[in-house]
N, C-alpha and C. Protein backbone atom coordinates (compact mmCIF):
# COMPACT_ATOMS: atom_id res chain seq x y z
N MET A 1 48.71 122.79 37.51
CA MET A 1 47.95 122.61 38.68
C MET A 1 48.79 123.03 39.85
N LEU A 2 50.15 122.86 39.92
CA LEU A 2 50.92 123.30 41.03
C LEU A 2 51.44 124.72 40.74
N PRO A 3 51.63 125.42 41.92
CA PRO A 3 52.22 126.72 41.72
C PRO A 3 53.61 126.72 41.15
N ALA A 4 54.11 127.85 40.64
CA ALA A 4 55.41 127.86 40.06
C ALA A 4 56.44 127.75 41.13
N THR A 5 57.49 127.07 40.93
CA THR A 5 58.68 126.85 41.88
C THR A 5 59.44 128.19 41.90
N VAL A 6 59.69 128.71 43.12
CA VAL A 6 60.35 129.88 43.29
C VAL A 6 61.63 129.53 44.22
N LEU A 7 62.81 129.67 43.50
CA LEU A 7 64.05 129.39 44.15
C LEU A 7 64.51 130.63 44.98
N LYS A 8 64.94 130.33 46.29
CA LYS A 8 65.42 131.47 47.08
C LYS A 8 66.88 131.58 46.89
N PRO A 9 67.46 132.63 46.98
CA PRO A 9 68.95 132.68 46.94
C PRO A 9 69.58 131.96 48.06
N ALA A 10 70.69 131.29 47.85
CA ALA A 10 71.39 130.49 48.90
C ALA A 10 72.03 131.44 49.92
N HIS A 11 71.84 131.04 51.18
CA HIS A 11 72.49 131.83 52.27
C HIS A 11 73.83 131.41 52.46
N PRO A 12 74.77 132.31 52.81
CA PRO A 12 76.19 131.99 52.98
C PRO A 12 76.36 130.88 54.10
N GLU A 13 75.62 130.95 55.08
CA GLU A 13 75.76 129.91 56.13
C GLU A 13 75.52 128.50 55.47
N GLU A 14 74.59 128.35 54.65
CA GLU A 14 74.36 127.03 54.04
C GLU A 14 75.45 126.62 53.23
N ILE A 15 76.15 127.44 52.47
CA ILE A 15 77.28 127.08 51.65
C ILE A 15 78.42 126.67 52.55
N ILE A 16 78.63 127.39 53.65
CA ILE A 16 79.70 127.01 54.66
C ILE A 16 79.48 125.60 55.29
N PHE A 17 78.19 125.34 55.71
CA PHE A 17 77.80 124.00 56.27
C PHE A 17 78.01 122.91 55.27
N GLN A 18 77.58 123.22 54.00
CA GLN A 18 77.72 122.15 52.96
C GLN A 18 79.18 121.87 52.69
N SER A 19 79.97 122.97 52.64
CA SER A 19 81.45 122.76 52.42
C SER A 19 82.03 121.89 53.55
N ILE A 20 81.67 122.26 54.84
CA ILE A 20 82.22 121.50 55.97
C ILE A 20 81.82 120.00 55.85
N ALA A 21 80.63 119.75 55.49
CA ALA A 21 80.16 118.34 55.27
C ALA A 21 80.90 117.67 54.22
N ILE A 22 81.17 118.35 53.15
CA ILE A 22 81.88 117.68 52.04
C ILE A 22 83.32 117.46 52.46
N LEU A 23 84.02 118.30 53.08
CA LEU A 23 85.36 118.21 53.61
C LEU A 23 85.49 117.19 54.70
N THR A 24 84.47 116.98 55.54
CA THR A 24 84.56 115.99 56.51
C THR A 24 84.36 114.54 55.88
N THR A 25 83.49 114.50 54.84
CA THR A 25 83.34 113.18 54.26
C THR A 25 84.61 112.85 53.39
N LEU A 26 85.14 113.80 52.70
CA LEU A 26 86.36 113.51 51.92
C LEU A 26 87.58 113.21 52.86
N THR A 27 87.73 113.86 54.02
CA THR A 27 88.67 113.52 55.02
C THR A 27 88.58 112.16 55.50
N GLY A 28 87.38 111.75 55.85
CA GLY A 28 87.11 110.38 56.31
C GLY A 28 87.44 109.34 55.33
N ILE A 29 87.14 109.57 53.98
CA ILE A 29 87.46 108.66 52.95
C ILE A 29 88.99 108.50 52.84
N MET A 30 89.67 109.73 52.83
CA MET A 30 91.08 109.71 52.71
C MET A 30 91.82 108.98 53.86
N THR A 31 91.26 109.22 55.06
CA THR A 31 91.91 108.66 56.23
C THR A 31 91.76 107.24 56.09
N GLY A 32 90.50 106.65 55.85
CA GLY A 32 90.40 105.20 55.72
C GLY A 32 91.27 104.62 54.66
N TYR A 33 91.38 105.29 53.51
CA TYR A 33 92.30 104.79 52.44
C TYR A 33 93.76 104.70 52.95
N MET A 34 94.20 105.79 53.57
CA MET A 34 95.49 105.75 54.03
C MET A 34 95.80 104.68 55.07
N LEU A 35 94.91 104.57 56.02
CA LEU A 35 95.01 103.49 57.10
C LEU A 35 94.99 102.14 56.64
N TYR A 36 94.08 101.81 55.76
CA TYR A 36 93.95 100.43 55.29
C TYR A 36 94.68 99.97 54.11
N TYR A 37 95.11 101.04 53.23
CA TYR A 37 95.86 100.60 52.02
C TYR A 37 97.28 101.00 51.99
N LEU A 38 97.45 102.26 52.39
CA LEU A 38 98.81 102.79 52.35
C LEU A 38 99.73 102.38 53.51
N TYR A 39 99.20 102.47 54.64
CA TYR A 39 99.92 102.15 55.90
C TYR A 39 99.13 101.20 56.75
N PRO A 40 98.98 99.95 56.33
CA PRO A 40 98.26 98.95 57.16
C PRO A 40 99.03 98.57 58.43
N HIS A 41 100.26 98.81 58.53
CA HIS A 41 101.05 98.51 59.77
C HIS A 41 100.64 99.38 60.98
N THR A 42 99.99 100.60 60.73
CA THR A 42 99.54 101.46 61.73
C THR A 42 98.40 100.88 62.45
N ILE A 43 97.44 100.13 61.85
CA ILE A 43 96.33 99.51 62.48
C ILE A 43 96.88 98.40 63.31
N ARG A 44 97.95 97.64 62.97
CA ARG A 44 98.45 96.54 63.80
C ARG A 44 99.02 97.11 65.01
N GLU A 45 99.72 98.28 64.79
CA GLU A 45 100.38 98.99 66.00
C GLU A 45 99.23 99.48 66.96
N TRP A 46 98.07 99.94 66.43
CA TRP A 46 97.07 100.36 67.27
C TRP A 46 96.44 99.26 68.06
N LYS A 47 96.23 98.10 67.49
CA LYS A 47 95.70 96.88 68.06
C LYS A 47 96.63 96.47 69.22
N GLN A 48 97.83 96.72 69.34
CA GLN A 48 98.76 96.40 70.40
C GLN A 48 98.68 97.42 71.58
N SER A 49 98.20 98.59 71.34
CA SER A 49 98.00 99.56 72.27
C SER A 49 96.73 99.46 73.08
N GLU A 50 96.81 99.35 74.46
CA GLU A 50 95.64 99.09 75.29
C GLU A 50 94.73 100.24 75.30
N GLY A 51 95.35 101.54 75.35
CA GLY A 51 94.50 102.72 75.37
C GLY A 51 93.64 102.89 74.12
N LEU A 52 94.22 102.60 73.02
CA LEU A 52 93.54 102.75 71.71
C LEU A 52 92.54 101.66 71.65
N MET A 53 92.94 100.49 72.06
CA MET A 53 91.94 99.34 72.01
C MET A 53 90.67 99.72 72.93
N ALA A 54 90.96 100.27 74.07
CA ALA A 54 89.89 100.72 75.05
C ALA A 54 88.94 101.70 74.26
N VAL A 55 89.60 102.69 73.58
CA VAL A 55 88.73 103.65 72.82
C VAL A 55 87.96 102.94 71.71
N ARG A 56 88.57 101.96 71.02
CA ARG A 56 88.02 101.33 69.95
C ARG A 56 86.82 100.40 70.57
N ASN A 57 87.08 99.70 71.61
CA ASN A 57 85.92 98.92 72.22
C ASN A 57 84.71 99.75 72.80
N PHE A 58 85.09 101.01 73.24
CA PHE A 58 84.06 102.02 73.65
C PHE A 58 83.18 102.35 72.47
N PHE A 59 83.84 102.66 71.32
CA PHE A 59 83.01 103.00 70.18
C PHE A 59 82.18 101.78 69.60
N PHE A 60 82.82 100.56 69.60
CA PHE A 60 82.09 99.47 69.17
C PHE A 60 81.00 99.00 70.10
N ALA A 61 81.01 99.48 71.39
CA ALA A 61 79.93 99.18 72.36
C ALA A 61 78.83 100.14 72.25
N GLY A 62 78.83 100.95 71.18
CA GLY A 62 77.79 101.93 71.01
C GLY A 62 77.86 103.16 71.99
N TRP A 63 79.19 103.49 72.29
CA TRP A 63 79.51 104.61 73.17
C TRP A 63 79.03 104.38 74.55
N ARG A 64 78.55 103.15 74.91
CA ARG A 64 77.98 102.74 76.22
C ARG A 64 76.75 103.59 76.39
N PHE A 65 75.97 103.88 75.34
CA PHE A 65 74.76 104.64 75.43
C PHE A 65 73.81 103.98 76.29
N ASP A 66 73.64 102.56 76.16
CA ASP A 66 72.63 101.82 76.90
C ASP A 66 72.79 101.92 78.36
N GLN A 67 74.08 101.80 78.75
CA GLN A 67 74.45 101.91 80.23
C GLN A 67 74.16 103.37 80.70
N LEU A 68 74.49 104.37 79.93
CA LEU A 68 74.26 105.80 80.32
C LEU A 68 72.74 105.93 80.39
N TYR A 69 72.04 105.46 79.50
CA TYR A 69 70.58 105.70 79.52
C TYR A 69 69.95 104.95 80.72
N ASP A 70 70.48 103.73 81.04
CA ASP A 70 69.96 103.02 82.15
C ASP A 70 70.23 103.71 83.40
N MET A 71 71.41 104.39 83.59
CA MET A 71 71.80 104.99 84.79
C MET A 71 71.09 106.38 84.92
N LEU A 72 70.91 107.11 83.87
CA LEU A 72 70.30 108.41 84.01
C LEU A 72 68.80 108.45 83.94
N PHE A 73 68.21 107.43 83.32
CA PHE A 73 66.70 107.43 83.24
C PHE A 73 65.98 106.28 83.88
N VAL A 74 66.47 105.07 83.55
CA VAL A 74 65.78 103.90 84.02
C VAL A 74 65.77 103.67 85.51
N LYS A 75 67.04 103.62 85.98
CA LYS A 75 67.26 103.32 87.47
C LYS A 75 66.50 104.45 88.34
N PRO A 76 66.72 105.75 88.12
CA PRO A 76 65.93 106.69 88.84
C PRO A 76 64.44 106.51 88.83
N PHE A 77 63.94 106.24 87.54
CA PHE A 77 62.52 106.01 87.42
C PHE A 77 61.97 104.76 88.16
N VAL A 78 62.80 103.76 88.21
CA VAL A 78 62.38 102.56 88.93
C VAL A 78 62.40 102.78 90.35
N TYR A 79 63.51 103.57 90.81
CA TYR A 79 63.56 103.85 92.27
C TYR A 79 62.38 104.68 92.74
N ILE A 80 61.99 105.70 91.98
CA ILE A 80 60.82 106.53 92.26
C ILE A 80 59.50 105.73 92.29
N THR A 81 59.44 104.83 91.36
CA THR A 81 58.15 104.01 91.38
C THR A 81 58.23 103.05 92.55
N GLN A 82 59.38 102.57 93.01
CA GLN A 82 59.43 101.68 94.13
C GLN A 82 59.03 102.38 95.44
N ILE A 83 59.48 103.60 95.50
CA ILE A 83 59.20 104.47 96.71
C ILE A 83 57.72 104.80 96.83
N SER A 84 57.11 105.20 95.77
CA SER A 84 55.67 105.53 95.76
C SER A 84 54.72 104.47 95.27
N ARG A 85 55.09 103.24 95.58
CA ARG A 85 54.27 102.03 95.30
C ARG A 85 52.87 102.05 95.84
N ASN A 86 52.75 102.53 97.06
CA ASN A 86 51.36 102.51 97.74
C ASN A 86 50.97 103.91 98.12
N ASP A 87 50.96 104.93 97.12
CA ASP A 87 50.56 106.26 97.33
C ASP A 87 49.14 106.33 97.18
N VAL A 88 48.59 107.53 97.52
CA VAL A 88 47.15 107.82 97.51
C VAL A 88 46.50 107.59 96.18
N THR A 89 47.28 107.95 95.15
CA THR A 89 46.66 107.85 93.80
C THR A 89 46.33 106.38 93.48
N ASP A 90 47.21 105.47 93.87
CA ASP A 90 47.02 104.04 93.57
C ASP A 90 45.84 103.58 94.40
N LYS A 91 45.61 104.02 95.61
CA LYS A 91 44.46 103.67 96.45
C LYS A 91 43.23 104.15 95.83
N ILE A 92 43.15 105.37 95.19
CA ILE A 92 41.93 105.84 94.58
C ILE A 92 41.56 104.89 93.36
N TYR A 93 42.50 104.51 92.52
CA TYR A 93 42.18 103.67 91.41
C TYR A 93 41.98 102.30 91.76
N SER A 94 42.57 101.83 92.81
CA SER A 94 42.21 100.42 93.40
C SER A 94 40.86 100.50 93.98
N GLY A 95 40.43 101.50 94.65
CA GLY A 95 39.08 101.69 95.16
C GLY A 95 38.04 101.63 93.99
N ILE A 96 38.32 102.36 92.94
CA ILE A 96 37.36 102.36 91.85
C ILE A 96 37.22 101.02 91.17
N ALA A 97 38.46 100.32 91.00
CA ALA A 97 38.42 98.91 90.53
C ALA A 97 37.62 97.98 91.45
N GLU A 98 37.87 98.08 92.76
CA GLU A 98 37.06 97.19 93.67
C GLU A 98 35.66 97.57 93.60
N MET A 99 35.17 98.79 93.59
CA MET A 99 33.80 99.17 93.46
C MET A 99 33.12 98.57 92.18
N HIS A 100 33.81 98.60 91.10
CA HIS A 100 33.33 97.98 89.83
C HIS A 100 33.22 96.43 89.89
N LEU A 101 34.15 95.82 90.62
CA LEU A 101 34.09 94.41 90.85
C LEU A 101 32.74 94.06 91.65
N GLN A 102 32.49 94.82 92.66
CA GLN A 102 31.31 94.60 93.46
C GLN A 102 30.07 94.86 92.73
N LEU A 103 30.10 95.82 91.92
CA LEU A 103 28.88 96.12 91.06
C LEU A 103 28.65 95.03 90.05
N ASN A 104 29.81 94.55 89.51
CA ASN A 104 29.69 93.45 88.63
C ASN A 104 29.13 92.13 89.30
N ARG A 105 29.50 91.87 90.46
CA ARG A 105 29.03 90.71 91.18
C ARG A 105 27.47 90.91 91.49
N PHE A 106 27.17 92.19 91.89
CA PHE A 106 25.70 92.40 92.13
C PHE A 106 24.85 92.25 90.91
N LEU A 107 25.32 92.84 89.79
CA LEU A 107 24.48 92.82 88.56
C LEU A 107 24.56 91.46 87.80
N SER A 108 25.58 90.77 88.07
CA SER A 108 25.63 89.50 87.31
C SER A 108 24.68 88.39 87.87
N VAL A 109 24.12 88.73 89.02
CA VAL A 109 23.06 87.82 89.63
C VAL A 109 21.85 87.69 88.68
N SER A 110 21.57 88.78 88.04
CA SER A 110 20.41 88.86 87.05
C SER A 110 20.69 88.11 85.86
N GLN A 111 21.80 87.76 85.57
CA GLN A 111 22.08 87.02 84.29
C GLN A 111 22.08 85.46 84.58
N ASN A 112 20.92 84.96 84.42
CA ASN A 112 20.81 83.51 84.70
C ASN A 112 20.70 82.59 83.37
N GLY A 113 20.72 83.30 82.31
CA GLY A 113 20.59 82.48 81.02
C GLY A 113 19.15 82.20 80.58
N SER A 114 18.17 82.61 81.28
CA SER A 114 16.78 82.37 80.84
C SER A 114 16.31 83.46 79.93
N LEU A 115 15.97 83.15 78.73
CA LEU A 115 15.71 84.22 77.75
C LEU A 115 14.38 84.81 78.07
N ARG A 116 13.41 84.10 78.65
CA ARG A 116 12.07 84.68 79.03
C ARG A 116 12.17 85.80 80.00
N TRP A 117 13.17 85.76 80.87
CA TRP A 117 13.34 86.85 81.90
C TRP A 117 13.98 88.04 81.29
N TYR A 118 14.93 87.83 80.23
CA TYR A 118 15.47 88.94 79.48
C TYR A 118 14.40 89.72 78.79
N VAL A 119 13.46 88.91 78.03
CA VAL A 119 12.47 89.51 77.26
C VAL A 119 11.38 90.17 78.18
N ALA A 120 11.15 89.56 79.34
CA ALA A 120 10.25 90.25 80.20
C ALA A 120 10.83 91.66 80.65
N GLY A 121 12.13 91.68 80.92
CA GLY A 121 12.74 92.91 81.41
C GLY A 121 12.67 93.96 80.36
N VAL A 122 13.01 93.56 79.12
CA VAL A 122 12.86 94.54 78.00
C VAL A 122 11.42 95.01 77.86
N LEU A 123 10.39 94.11 77.88
CA LEU A 123 9.03 94.57 77.76
C LEU A 123 8.60 95.50 78.88
N ILE A 124 9.03 95.18 80.10
CA ILE A 124 8.77 96.09 81.19
C ILE A 124 9.27 97.51 80.94
N GLY A 125 10.58 97.56 80.43
CA GLY A 125 11.15 98.84 80.18
C GLY A 125 10.38 99.56 79.12
N ILE A 126 9.92 98.86 78.03
CA ILE A 126 9.17 99.45 76.90
C ILE A 126 7.84 99.99 77.50
N LEU A 127 7.20 99.19 78.31
CA LEU A 127 5.91 99.63 78.83
C LEU A 127 6.04 100.90 79.80
N PHE A 128 7.13 100.95 80.46
CA PHE A 128 7.47 102.08 81.40
C PHE A 128 7.60 103.31 80.45
N ILE A 129 8.42 103.21 79.49
CA ILE A 129 8.72 104.36 78.56
C ILE A 129 7.34 104.84 77.88
N ILE A 130 6.55 103.89 77.43
CA ILE A 130 5.27 104.26 76.79
C ILE A 130 4.36 104.93 77.73
N THR A 131 4.37 104.46 79.00
CA THR A 131 3.46 105.04 80.07
C THR A 131 3.91 106.41 80.32
N LEU A 132 5.20 106.65 80.44
CA LEU A 132 5.62 108.06 80.54
C LEU A 132 5.30 108.96 79.47
N GLN A 133 5.29 108.47 78.25
CA GLN A 133 4.91 109.23 77.12
C GLN A 133 3.48 109.52 77.05
N ILE A 134 2.61 108.64 77.56
CA ILE A 134 1.14 108.83 77.58
C ILE A 134 0.81 109.76 78.65
N LEU A 135 1.49 109.69 79.79
CA LEU A 135 1.14 110.54 80.94
C LEU A 135 1.70 111.92 80.80
N ARG A 136 2.46 112.16 79.86
CA ARG A 136 3.13 113.49 79.57
C ARG A 136 2.11 114.27 78.93
């Protein structure tokens, strides 16, 4: 049911990137093994260094990405929205909302809960439509 699988020849760039990925992974594994099993005193020395602990804390804090995002995107956006709080666009939509509130107040007067008035309204509408059909 499925078409035959056609394998394309590998590109040299892909082999290079895969080799780099493999070497990076193996280097990381070897570095971890050396630091934690062969030379554990190196980690203790690093913990005593303020500069390396600052780098460690920076990495453990998620590279301060949340603070950077807040500074680059959130604060400017909030500042712009505060400046343009009462612009013309808001007044247009506020006017539309107020118009609909007034229309709701006007039309809700006809809703009194009396079923016979509702039925009478529907019958008048039906008679009006039938009259238009007959006169046509």
